[in-house]
Structures are given as structure tokens and as C-alpha cells.
Amino acid sequence: MGIHHTPIILPSLASAPPAPPAGVSSLSARTDGRIYVRHGAAAAQPLLGVYARLASGLSKTGNSATDITQLQIAVQPGTFYFRYVLGYTVVTSGAAIRLAFIGPSASSFTGTINVYTNRDVPPTPQRMDVYTTLSTLSTAASSVATGVVLPAIMTARATFTAAGNITVRWAASAAGAQVNLEAGSYGVCWATQ
């Protein structure tokens, strides 16, 4: 006697189907390839954590902030948790990386950005910022080791009031400074249940 698996086939929909009656949940697959769950009249939320990953490294010179579109994750109105794990390198001596969460309108937001600056064993964040609003760039760390791949870890909980994309904004700490993001850096989000 073996284990039998029965596939569930869901049609791909451009948007969520009508809300099920109170006390009933529905599953649907969207054309974005994700499976969504909807409890009664509540907004549809991704059933499982969804992620975005950098397929190749990026380079940034200067303190003008830009969004990392490769790390965008689509969200709907509702409450989500996020975690971004980034590998970064400072190329210019005395420079640092600055990071921020960017997303749609939110009624509440709490996030932390932990930037590691050297290869301590065990590693400890040398610069940690706590935020209650989106779009605020982290403070530049000091004494960052150059030419060494270091981690930056971003976590957040947000309640969005509109659909849109959550992503990371980044900049170097000075006009002539260069920082790089490593391939494989990623973000994941999941809806509260």
C-alpha cells in the first residue's frame, strides 16, 4: 500500500473569484502563478510564502536611491510579514549601503534593517534601524569592510490598504561611493492567517 496523491486543478484567474459565503474559504490560482486563499468576504491572500530573488548581481554608485525591481513581490490589501536577506559588498573605502522598504499604502508598518559591517564570529549587526514608515532609507553604517561579502537582513510586518508591490530601495552612502548586491539575494513574504 503506497501513498496516493490526488492533484487539485485550479483554473488560472486574472483576479480573485467572488467572495464565498461567511464561514467558507476558497482557493484560486492567479495568472501570476500563485495560489490564493479567501476566507468569506476578506481579501484574497497568497496561501504560501512568495519570493523574489536576484538572478545576477547589481552595482550601485552614488547616494541617489533606486528601487530593486527584481526583488518586487506583489501584495494585496491585508497584513503580511517580509524578510529580505541580501549579500552586499562595499567597493569604495569608507562607503556603506543604505536600504529601505518600499510598498503600497499601509495603515501600519514596523520594520528592522540589520546591516553587518565585518566578518565577526559569530556575526552581529553593526548597524540596526527600526522603522514605522515605508520609504525611509537606513542610516549608513561606519567602518564597513571593503571587498568582503556581508549580509543585510530586512524584516517587516505591514498592513496594506491597497494592492501593489513591496520591494527594496537602495543607495550608497556618498555620491562617489560604490556598493554591490550579490546574486542570490532574496526576499520572501507571507500573509497572516
C-alpha atoms as a PDB file:
ATOM      1  CA  MET A   1       0.000   0.000   0.000  1.00  0.00           C
ATOM      2  CA  GLY A   2       1.545   3.291  -1.060  1.00  0.00           C
ATOM      3  CA  ILE A   3       0.741   6.921  -0.625  1.00  0.00           C
ATOM      4  CA  HIS A   4      -1.642   8.256  -3.240  1.00  0.00           C
ATOM      5  CA  HIS A   5      -1.627  11.870  -4.286  1.00  0.00           C
ATOM      6  CA  THR A   6      -4.666  13.452  -5.831  1.00  0.00           C
ATOM      7  CA  PRO A   7      -3.903  16.660  -7.701  1.00  0.00           C
ATOM      8  CA  ILE A   8      -6.186  19.625  -7.295  1.00  0.00           C
ATOM      9  CA  ILE A   9      -6.568  21.502 -10.547  1.00  0.00           C
ATOM     10  CA  LEU A  10      -7.293  25.209 -10.209  1.00  0.00           C
ATOM     11  CA  PRO A  11      -8.004  27.472 -13.164  1.00  0.00           C
ATOM     12  CA  SER A  12      -5.721  30.496 -13.512  1.00  0.00           C
ATOM     13  CA  LEU A  13      -7.729  33.665 -12.944  1.00  0.00           C
ATOM     14  CA  ALA A  14      -6.788  37.279 -13.595  1.00  0.00           C
ATOM     15  CA  SER A  15      -8.382  38.255 -10.254  1.00  0.00           C
ATOM     16  CA  ALA A  16      -9.960  36.527  -7.283  1.00  0.00           C
ATOM     17  CA  PRO A  17     -13.387  34.945  -7.759  1.00  0.00           C
ATOM     18  CA  PRO A  18     -16.385  36.368  -5.875  1.00  0.00           C
ATOM     19  CA  ALA A  19     -16.221  36.052  -2.089  1.00  0.00           C
ATOM     20  CA  PRO A  20     -17.547  32.774  -0.693  1.00  0.00           C
ATOM     21  CA  PRO A  21     -20.266  32.830   1.991  1.00  0.00           C
ATOM     22  CA  ALA A  22     -19.291  33.632   5.594  1.00  0.00           C
ATOM     23  CA  GLY A  23     -17.555  30.682   7.243  1.00  0.00           C
ATOM     24  CA  VAL A  24     -16.349  29.258   3.906  1.00  0.00           C
ATOM     25  CA  SER A  25     -12.874  29.518   2.396  1.00  0.00           C
ATOM     26  CA  SER A  26     -11.935  29.298  -1.274  1.00  0.00           C
ATOM     27  CA  LEU A  27      -8.698  28.624  -3.157  1.00  0.00           C
ATOM     28  CA  SER A  28      -7.854  30.113  -6.534  1.00  0.00           C
ATOM     29  CA  ALA A  29      -4.817  30.262  -8.783  1.00  0.00           C
ATOM     30  CA  ARG A  30      -3.923  33.596 -10.344  1.00  0.00           C
ATOM     31  CA  THR A  31      -2.182  34.260 -13.609  1.00  0.00           C
ATOM     32  CA  ASP A  32       0.858  35.354 -11.526  1.00  0.00           C
ATOM     33  CA  GLY A  33       1.345  31.656 -10.687  1.00  0.00           C
ATOM     34  CA  ARG A  34       0.435  31.972  -7.003  1.00  0.00           C
ATOM     35  CA  ILE A  35      -2.328  30.220  -5.074  1.00  0.00           C
ATOM     36  CA  TYR A  36      -4.604  32.471  -3.044  1.00  0.00           C
ATOM     37  CA  VAL A  37      -6.946  31.724  -0.156  1.00  0.00           C
ATOM     38  CA  ARG A  38     -10.025  33.776   0.659  1.00  0.00           C
ATOM     39  CA  HIS A  39     -11.983  33.497   3.916  1.00  0.00           C
ATOM     40  CA  GLY A  40     -15.527  34.773   3.460  1.00  0.00           C
ATOM     41  CA  ALA A  41     -15.610  38.431   2.412  1.00  0.00           C
ATOM     42  CA  ALA A  42     -11.935  39.057   3.363  1.00  0.00           C
ATOM     43  CA  ALA A  43      -9.454  39.939   0.591  1.00  0.00           C
ATOM     44  CA  ALA A  44      -7.657  37.043  -1.110  1.00  0.00           C
ATOM     45  CA  GLN A  45      -4.138  36.462   0.269  1.00  0.00           C
ATOM     46  CA  PRO A  46      -1.260  34.289  -1.018  1.00  0.00           C
ATOM     47  CA  LEU A  47      -1.580  30.881   0.614  1.00  0.00           C
ATOM     48  CA  LEU A  48       2.139  30.203   0.838  1.00  0.00           C
ATOM     49  CA  GLY A  49       5.124  32.483   1.133  1.00  0.00           C
ATOM     50  CA  VAL A  50       6.095  34.049  -2.168  1.00  0.00           C
ATOM     51  CA  TYR A  51       9.558  35.206  -3.001  1.00  0.00           C
ATOM     52  CA  ALA A  52      11.755  37.188  -5.353  1.00  0.00           C
ATOM     53  CA  ARG A  53      15.447  36.519  -6.000  1.00  0.00           C
ATOM     54  CA  LEU A  54      18.277  38.327  -7.763  1.00  0.00           C
ATOM     55  CA  ALA A  55      19.412  36.164 -10.669  1.00  0.00           C
ATOM     56  CA  SER A  56      22.537  38.288 -11.156  1.00  0.00           C
ATOM     57  CA  GLY A  57      24.410  40.848  -9.103  1.00  0.00           C
ATOM     58  CA  LEU A  58      23.773  44.590  -9.195  1.00  0.00           C
ATOM     59  CA  SER A  59      26.100  47.560  -8.813  1.00  0.00           C
ATOM     60  CA  LYS A  60      25.155  50.977  -7.424  1.00  0.00           C
ATOM     61  CA  THR A  61      27.267  54.121  -7.478  1.00  0.00           C
ATOM     62  CA  GLY A  62      26.080  57.241  -5.685  1.00  0.00           C
ATOM     63  CA  ASN A  63      23.619  58.233  -2.994  1.00  0.00           C
ATOM     64  CA  SER A  64      20.601  58.604  -5.286  1.00  0.00           C
ATOM     65  CA  ALA A  65      18.128  55.932  -4.130  1.00  0.00           C
ATOM     66  CA  THR A  66      16.595  53.496  -6.646  1.00  0.00           C
ATOM     67  CA  ASP A  67      14.205  50.561  -6.337  1.00  0.00           C
ATOM     68  CA  ILE A  68      15.383  46.999  -6.930  1.00  0.00           C
ATOM     69  CA  THR A  69      12.640  45.845  -9.281  1.00  0.00           C
ATOM     70  CA  GLN A  70      13.986  42.279  -9.374  1.00  0.00           C
ATOM     71  CA  LEU A  71      13.030  41.957  -5.679  1.00  0.00           C
ATOM     72  CA  GLN A  72       9.396  43.074  -6.109  1.00  0.00           C
ATOM     73  CA  ILE A  73       6.685  40.932  -4.526  1.00  0.00           C
ATOM     74  CA  ALA A  74       3.028  41.612  -5.317  1.00  0.00           C
ATOM     75  CA  VAL A  75       0.734  42.126  -2.303  1.00  0.00           C
ATOM     76  CA  GLN A  76      -2.991  42.664  -1.811  1.00  0.00           C
ATOM     77  CA  PRO A  77      -4.727  44.639   0.952  1.00  0.00           C
ATOM     78  CA  GLY A  78      -4.115  42.786   4.208  1.00  0.00           C
ATOM     79  CA  THR A  79      -1.360  42.008   6.705  1.00  0.00           C
ATOM     80  CA  PHE A  80       1.935  40.493   5.569  1.00  0.00           C
ATOM     81  CA  TYR A  81       5.331  39.567   7.003  1.00  0.00           C
ATOM     82  CA  PHE A  82       8.529  40.118   4.990  1.00  0.00           C
ATOM     83  CA  ARG A  83      12.132  39.030   5.184  1.00  0.00           C
ATOM     84  CA  TYR A  84      14.845  40.098   2.762  1.00  0.00           C
ATOM     85  CA  VAL A  85      18.308  38.526   3.007  1.00  0.00           C
ATOM     86  CA  LEU A  86      20.851  40.436   0.959  1.00  0.00           C
ATOM     87  CA  GLY A  87      24.521  39.812   0.319  1.00  0.00           C
ATOM     88  CA  TYR A  88      26.368  43.057  -0.318  1.00  0.00           C
ATOM     89  CA  THR A  89      29.900  44.289  -0.918  1.00  0.00           C
ATOM     90  CA  VAL A  90      31.288  47.769  -0.367  1.00  0.00           C
ATOM     91  CA  VAL A  91      33.730  48.606  -3.164  1.00  0.00           C
ATOM     92  CA  THR A  92      34.744  52.136  -2.133  1.00  0.00           C
ATOM     93  CA  SER A  93      36.658  52.536   1.136  1.00  0.00           C
ATOM     94  CA  GLY A  94      34.630  54.474   3.708  1.00  0.00           C
ATOM     95  CA  ALA A  95      31.336  53.775   1.916  1.00  0.00           C
ATOM     96  CA  ALA A  96      28.236  51.980   3.204  1.00  0.00           C
ATOM     97  CA  ILE A  97      24.953  50.608   1.879  1.00  0.00           C
ATOM     98  CA  ARG A  98      21.612  52.242   2.701  1.00  0.00           C
ATOM     99  CA  LEU A  99      18.331  50.322   2.381  1.00  0.00           C
ATOM    100  CA  ALA A 100      14.582  50.907   2.692  1.00  0.00           C
ATOM    101  CA  PHE A 101      11.275  49.070   2.246  1.00  0.00           C
ATOM    102  CA  ILE A 102       9.021  50.471  -0.484  1.00  0.00           C
ATOM    103  CA  GLY A 103       5.405  49.444  -0.917  1.00  0.00           C
ATOM    104  CA  PRO A 104       1.783  50.466  -1.354  1.00  0.00           C
ATOM    105  CA  SER A 105      -0.177  52.479   1.233  1.00  0.00           C
ATOM    106  CA  ALA A 106      -0.119  50.859   4.650  1.00  0.00           C
ATOM    107  CA  SER A 107      -2.169  51.549   7.773  1.00  0.00           C
ATOM    108  CA  SER A 108       0.616  50.086   9.921  1.00  0.00           C
ATOM    109  CA  PHE A 109       4.253  49.186   9.335  1.00  0.00           C
ATOM    110  CA  THR A 110       7.080  48.005  11.590  1.00  0.00           C
ATOM    111  CA  GLY A 111      10.417  47.007  10.125  1.00  0.00           C
ATOM    112  CA  THR A 112      14.056  46.468  11.007  1.00  0.00           C
ATOM    113  CA  ILE A 113      17.141  46.741   8.826  1.00  0.00           C
ATOM    114  CA  ASN A 114      20.245  44.980  10.160  1.00  0.00           C
ATOM    115  CA  VAL A 115      23.462  45.764   8.292  1.00  0.00           C
ATOM    116  CA  TYR A 116      26.566  43.736   9.079  1.00  0.00           C
ATOM    117  CA  THR A 117      29.879  45.524   8.619  1.00  0.00           C
ATOM    118  CA  ASN A 118      32.542  42.853   9.141  1.00  0.00           C
ATOM    119  CA  ARG A 119      33.041  39.115   9.472  1.00  0.00           C
ATOM    120  CA  ASP A 120      32.691  38.804  13.239  1.00  0.00           C
ATOM    121  CA  VAL A 121      32.343  35.242  14.517  1.00  0.00           C
ATOM    122  CA  PRO A 122      29.550  34.938  15.377  1.00  0.00           C
ATOM    123  CA  PRO A 123      28.373  37.809  13.197  1.00  0.00           C
ATOM    124  CA  THR A 124      26.455  40.618  14.845  1.00  0.00           C
ATOM    125  CA  PRO A 125      24.740  43.530  13.139  1.00  0.00           C
ATOM    126  CA  GLN A 126      26.854  46.648  13.443  1.00  0.00           C
ATOM    127  CA  ARG A 127      24.014  48.941  12.429  1.00  0.00           C
ATOM    128  CA  MET A 128      20.351  48.256  13.183  1.00  0.00           C
ATOM    129  CA  ASP A 129      17.497  50.626  12.421  1.00  0.00           C
ATOM    130  CA  VAL A 130      13.823  50.248  13.367  1.00  0.00           C
ATOM    131  CA  TYR A 131      11.156  51.903  11.205  1.00  0.00           C
ATOM    132  CA  THR A 132       7.441  52.606  11.484  1.00  0.00           C
ATOM    133  CA  THR A 133       7.035  54.039   7.971  1.00  0.00           C
ATOM    134  CA  LEU A 134       7.867  52.857   4.474  1.00  0.00           C
ATOM    135  CA  SER A 135      10.389  54.616   2.212  1.00  0.00           C
ATOM    136  CA  THR A 136      12.889  55.694   4.906  1.00  0.00           C
ATOM    137  CA  LEU A 137      16.491  54.835   3.984  1.00  0.00           C
ATOM    138  CA  SER A 138      18.561  53.244   6.731  1.00  0.00           C
ATOM    139  CA  THR A 139      21.384  55.156   8.377  1.00  0.00           C
ATOM    140  CA  ALA A 140      24.778  54.470   6.809  1.00  0.00           C
ATOM    141  CA  ALA A 141      26.931  52.179   8.918  1.00  0.00           C
ATOM    142  CA  SER A 142      30.538  53.117   9.655  1.00  0.00           C
ATOM    143  CA  SER A 143      33.753  51.111   9.362  1.00  0.00           C
ATOM    144  CA  VAL A 144      32.381  48.713   6.755  1.00  0.00           C
ATOM    145  CA  ALA A 145      34.927  46.175   5.495  1.00  0.00           C
ATOM    146  CA  THR A 146      35.596  46.630   1.774  1.00  0.00           C
ATOM    147  CA  GLY A 147      35.732  43.805  -0.757  1.00  0.00           C
ATOM    148  CA  VAL A 148      34.023  41.325   1.614  1.00  0.00           C
ATOM    149  CA  VAL A 149      30.552  39.862   1.047  1.00  0.00           C
ATOM    150  CA  LEU A 150      28.445  40.824   4.076  1.00  0.00           C
ATOM    151  CA  PRO A 151      24.781  40.241   4.979  1.00  0.00           C
ATOM    152  CA  ALA A 152      21.999  42.772   5.375  1.00  0.00           C
ATOM    153  CA  ILE A 153      18.729  41.417   6.785  1.00  0.00           C
ATOM    154  CA  MET A 154      15.444  43.296   6.492  1.00  0.00           C
ATOM    155  CA  THR A 155      12.269  42.195   8.292  1.00  0.00           C
ATOM    156  CA  ALA A 156       8.842  43.819   8.483  1.00  0.00           C
ATOM    157  CA  ARG A 157       5.165  43.440   9.285  1.00  0.00           C
ATOM    158  CA  ALA A 158       2.792  45.630   7.275  1.00  0.00           C
ATOM    159  CA  THR A 159      -0.955  46.033   6.888  1.00  0.00           C
ATOM    160  CA  PHE A 160      -1.572  47.308   3.368  1.00  0.00           C
ATOM    161  CA  THR A 161      -4.690  49.236   2.409  1.00  0.00           C
ATOM    162  CA  ALA A 162      -4.017  48.951  -1.329  1.00  0.00           C
ATOM    163  CA  ALA A 163      -2.614  46.386  -3.738  1.00  0.00           C
ATOM    164  CA  GLY A 164       0.875  46.934  -5.138  1.00  0.00           C
ATOM    165  CA  ASN A 165       4.463  45.730  -4.890  1.00  0.00           C
ATOM    166  CA  ILE A 166       6.769  45.581  -1.896  1.00  0.00           C
ATOM    167  CA  THR A 167      10.449  45.882  -2.760  1.00  0.00           C
ATOM    168  CA  VAL A 168      13.811  47.206  -1.557  1.00  0.00           C
ATOM    169  CA  ARG A 169      15.214  50.657  -2.295  1.00  0.00           C
ATOM    170  CA  TRP A 170      18.975  51.104  -2.068  1.00  0.00           C
ATOM    171  CA  ALA A 171      21.771  53.644  -2.316  1.00  0.00           C
ATOM    172  CA  ALA A 172      25.428  54.055  -1.475  1.00  0.00           C
ATOM    173  CA  SER A 173      26.288  56.409   1.370  1.00  0.00           C
ATOM    174  CA  ALA A 174      28.074  59.054  -0.732  1.00  0.00           C
ATOM    175  CA  ALA A 175      27.974  60.498  -4.257  1.00  0.00           C
ATOM    176  CA  GLY A 176      31.112  58.713  -5.489  1.00  0.00           C
ATOM    177  CA  ALA A 177      30.724  55.531  -3.429  1.00  0.00           C
ATOM    178  CA  GLN A 178      30.030  52.098  -4.938  1.00  0.00           C
ATOM    179  CA  VAL A 179      28.226  49.125  -3.383  1.00  0.00           C
ATOM    180  CA  ASN A 180      27.201  45.823  -4.968  1.00  0.00           C
ATOM    181  CA  LEU A 181      24.372  43.360  -4.303  1.00  0.00           C
ATOM    182  CA  GLU A 182      25.170  39.693  -4.764  1.00  0.00           C
ATOM    183  CA  ALA A 183      23.260  37.273  -6.987  1.00  0.00           C
ATOM    184  CA  GLY A 184      21.042  35.051  -4.862  1.00  0.00           C
ATOM    185  CA  SER A 185      19.913  37.865  -2.558  1.00  0.00           C
ATOM    186  CA  TYR A 186      16.210  37.275  -1.968  1.00  0.00           C
ATOM    187  CA  GLY A 187      13.005  38.365  -0.325  1.00  0.00           C
ATOM    188  CA  VAL A 188      10.044  36.334   0.918  1.00  0.00           C
ATOM    189  CA  CYS A 189       6.606  37.371   2.159  1.00  0.00           C
ATOM    190  CA  TRP A 190       3.634  35.571   3.624  1.00  0.00           C
ATOM    191  CA  ALA A 191       0.185  36.669   4.687  1.00  0.00           C
ATOM    192  CA  THR A 192      -1.042  36.374   8.255  1.00  0.00           C
ATOM    193  CA  GLN A 193      -3.630  33.645   8.690  1.00  0.00           C
END
